[in-house]
């Protein structure tokens, strides 16, 4: 289950990964306030936790969604 505000609970791994990449880009840019950076860091950690759970519960099969 996702605790991130911008990602729905049923988001795909791809959607979560894209959001994580957006967060990283914002943090690397350095143009965010310390408070916003902390919020992004927290959101990123939740996304990583969700992604780990998603990948751990997979059956090992790799499929391509189109």
N, C-alpha and C. Protein backbone atom coordinates (compact mmCIF):
# COMPACT_ATOMS: atom_id res chain seq x y z
N UNK A 1 0.84 -1.17 0.00
CA UNK A 1 0.00 0.00 0.00
C UNK A 1 0.89 1.24 0.00
N UNK A 2 0.51 2.24 -0.77
CA UNK A 2 1.31 3.44 -0.91
C UNK A 2 0.90 4.50 0.11
N UNK A 3 1.91 5.09 0.75
CA UNK A 3 1.66 6.20 1.67
C UNK A 3 2.06 7.52 1.02
N UNK A 4 2.32 7.51 -0.26
CA UNK A 4 2.75 8.72 -0.94
C UNK A 4 1.56 9.48 -1.48
N UNK A 5 1.57 10.80 -1.36
CA UNK A 5 0.41 11.59 -1.75
C UNK A 5 0.14 11.62 -3.25
N UNK A 6 1.17 11.50 -4.06
CA UNK A 6 1.00 11.64 -5.51
C UNK A 6 0.78 10.32 -6.24
N UNK A 7 0.87 9.23 -5.54
CA UNK A 7 0.77 7.91 -6.16
C UNK A 7 -0.41 7.16 -5.57
N UNK A 8 -1.33 6.69 -6.41
CA UNK A 8 -2.46 5.91 -5.89
C UNK A 8 -1.99 4.54 -5.37
N UNK A 9 -2.79 3.94 -4.51
CA UNK A 9 -2.45 2.64 -3.92
C UNK A 9 -2.24 1.56 -4.97
N UNK A 10 -2.96 1.66 -6.09
CA UNK A 10 -2.86 0.62 -7.12
C UNK A 10 -1.90 0.99 -8.25
N UNK A 11 -0.99 1.90 -7.99
CA UNK A 11 -0.03 2.33 -9.00
C UNK A 11 0.87 1.16 -9.41
N UNK A 12 1.27 1.17 -10.66
CA UNK A 12 2.15 0.12 -11.18
C UNK A 12 3.59 0.39 -10.74
N UNK A 13 4.42 -0.61 -10.89
CA UNK A 13 5.84 -0.46 -10.59
C UNK A 13 6.42 0.65 -11.46
N UNK A 14 6.01 0.70 -12.71
CA UNK A 14 6.48 1.73 -13.62
C UNK A 14 6.11 3.13 -13.15
N UNK A 15 4.88 3.30 -12.70
CA UNK A 15 4.43 4.61 -12.21
C UNK A 15 5.21 5.02 -10.95
N UNK A 16 5.44 4.07 -10.08
CA UNK A 16 6.20 4.36 -8.87
C UNK A 16 7.64 4.73 -9.21
N UNK A 17 8.22 4.01 -10.16
CA UNK A 17 9.59 4.28 -10.58
C UNK A 17 9.70 5.66 -11.22
N UNK A 18 8.73 6.01 -12.06
CA UNK A 18 8.73 7.33 -12.68
C UNK A 18 8.65 8.44 -11.64
N UNK A 19 7.80 8.26 -10.64
CA UNK A 19 7.68 9.27 -9.58
C UNK A 19 8.98 9.37 -8.79
N UNK A 20 9.61 8.23 -8.53
CA UNK A 20 10.87 8.24 -7.81
C UNK A 20 11.93 9.00 -8.61
N UNK A 21 11.95 8.81 -9.92
CA UNK A 21 12.90 9.54 -10.77
C UNK A 21 12.62 11.04 -10.74
N UNK A 22 11.35 11.43 -10.69
CA UNK A 22 11.00 12.85 -10.59
C UNK A 22 11.52 13.43 -9.28
N UNK A 23 11.35 12.68 -8.21
CA UNK A 23 11.82 13.13 -6.89
C UNK A 23 13.33 13.31 -6.91
N UNK A 24 14.03 12.35 -7.46
CA UNK A 24 15.50 12.43 -7.53
C UNK A 24 15.93 13.66 -8.31
N UNK A 25 15.27 13.91 -9.44
CA UNK A 25 15.62 15.07 -10.27
C UNK A 25 15.40 16.37 -9.49
N UNK A 26 14.30 16.45 -8.76
CA UNK A 26 14.03 17.66 -7.97
C UNK A 26 15.08 17.87 -6.89
N UNK A 27 15.46 16.78 -6.24
CA UNK A 27 16.46 16.89 -5.17
C UNK A 27 17.84 17.24 -5.73
N UNK A 28 18.18 16.65 -6.87
CA UNK A 28 19.48 16.93 -7.48
C UNK A 28 19.55 18.36 -8.01
N UNK A 29 18.41 18.91 -8.40
CA UNK A 29 18.35 20.27 -8.91
C UNK A 29 18.79 21.28 -7.85
N UNK A 30 18.46 20.99 -6.59
CA UNK A 30 18.88 21.83 -5.50
C UNK A 30 18.07 23.11 -5.33
N UNK A 31 17.00 23.24 -6.07
CA UNK A 31 16.19 24.46 -6.02
C UNK A 31 14.98 24.33 -5.10
N UNK A 32 14.94 23.29 -4.29
CA UNK A 32 13.81 23.10 -3.37
C UNK A 32 14.24 23.53 -1.97
N UNK A 33 13.28 23.98 -1.19
CA UNK A 33 13.56 24.37 0.19
C UNK A 33 13.93 23.14 1.01
N UNK A 34 14.52 23.38 2.13
CA UNK A 34 14.89 22.28 3.03
C UNK A 34 13.65 21.50 3.45
N UNK A 35 12.57 22.21 3.75
CA UNK A 35 11.33 21.55 4.14
C UNK A 35 10.80 20.66 3.01
N UNK A 36 10.79 21.19 1.78
CA UNK A 36 10.30 20.42 0.63
C UNK A 36 11.23 19.25 0.35
N UNK A 37 12.52 19.44 0.50
CA UNK A 37 13.47 18.35 0.30
C UNK A 37 13.21 17.22 1.28
N UNK A 38 12.89 17.57 2.52
CA UNK A 38 12.57 16.56 3.53
C UNK A 38 11.30 15.81 3.15
N UNK A 39 10.28 16.54 2.66
CA UNK A 39 9.03 15.89 2.22
C UNK A 39 9.30 14.94 1.05
N UNK A 40 10.11 15.38 0.10
CA UNK A 40 10.44 14.53 -1.05
C UNK A 40 11.23 13.30 -0.61
N UNK A 41 12.14 13.49 0.31
CA UNK A 41 12.93 12.37 0.83
C UNK A 41 12.02 11.33 1.48
N UNK A 42 11.07 11.80 2.28
CA UNK A 42 10.13 10.90 2.93
C UNK A 42 9.28 10.16 1.90
N UNK A 43 8.77 10.90 0.91
CA UNK A 43 7.98 10.27 -0.14
C UNK A 43 8.81 9.23 -0.90
N UNK A 44 10.05 9.58 -1.21
CA UNK A 44 10.93 8.66 -1.91
C UNK A 44 11.18 7.38 -1.13
N UNK A 45 11.36 7.53 0.18
CA UNK A 45 11.57 6.34 1.02
C UNK A 45 10.33 5.44 1.02
N UNK A 46 9.14 6.04 1.05
CA UNK A 46 7.91 5.25 0.99
C UNK A 46 7.80 4.53 -0.35
N UNK A 47 8.16 5.23 -1.41
CA UNK A 47 8.12 4.60 -2.74
C UNK A 47 9.09 3.43 -2.82
N UNK A 48 10.29 3.61 -2.30
CA UNK A 48 11.27 2.52 -2.30
C UNK A 48 10.76 1.31 -1.53
N UNK A 49 10.14 1.57 -0.40
CA UNK A 49 9.58 0.49 0.41
C UNK A 49 8.48 -0.24 -0.37
N UNK A 50 7.59 0.53 -1.01
CA UNK A 50 6.52 -0.06 -1.82
C UNK A 50 7.09 -0.88 -2.97
N UNK A 51 8.11 -0.34 -3.63
CA UNK A 51 8.72 -1.06 -4.76
C UNK A 51 9.38 -2.36 -4.29
N UNK A 52 10.05 -2.31 -3.16
CA UNK A 52 10.67 -3.54 -2.63
C UNK A 52 9.61 -4.60 -2.35
N UNK A 53 8.49 -4.17 -1.75
CA UNK A 53 7.40 -5.11 -1.48
C UNK A 53 6.84 -5.67 -2.78
N UNK A 54 6.62 -4.80 -3.76
CA UNK A 54 6.10 -5.24 -5.05
C UNK A 54 7.02 -6.27 -5.69
N UNK A 55 8.31 -6.01 -5.65
CA UNK A 55 9.27 -6.91 -6.29
C UNK A 55 9.45 -8.20 -5.49
N UNK A 56 9.38 -8.11 -4.18
CA UNK A 56 9.51 -9.31 -3.34
C UNK A 56 8.33 -10.25 -3.49
N UNK A 57 7.15 -9.74 -3.77
CA UNK A 57 5.97 -10.58 -3.89
C UNK A 57 5.76 -11.10 -5.30
N UNK A 58 6.59 -10.68 -6.23
CA UNK A 58 6.48 -11.16 -7.60
C UNK A 58 6.87 -12.62 -7.69
N UNK A 59 6.48 -13.24 -8.80
CA UNK A 59 6.78 -14.67 -8.99
C UNK A 59 8.06 -14.88 -9.79
N UNK A 60 8.78 -13.82 -10.10
CA UNK A 60 10.02 -13.94 -10.82
C UNK A 60 9.86 -13.81 -12.33
N UNK A 61 8.63 -13.80 -12.80
CA UNK A 61 8.40 -13.67 -14.25
C UNK A 61 8.46 -12.21 -14.65
N UNK A 62 9.05 -11.96 -15.78
CA UNK A 62 9.14 -10.60 -16.31
C UNK A 62 8.20 -10.53 -17.50
N UNK A 63 7.29 -9.58 -17.46
CA UNK A 63 6.35 -9.39 -18.56
C UNK A 63 6.39 -7.97 -19.03
N UNK A 64 5.99 -7.76 -20.26
CA UNK A 64 5.93 -6.42 -20.82
C UNK A 64 4.48 -6.04 -21.01
N UNK A 65 4.09 -4.94 -20.40
CA UNK A 65 2.72 -4.43 -20.55
C UNK A 65 2.68 -3.44 -21.69
N UNK A 66 1.69 -3.57 -22.51
CA UNK A 66 1.55 -2.62 -23.62
C UNK A 66 0.20 -2.00 -23.58
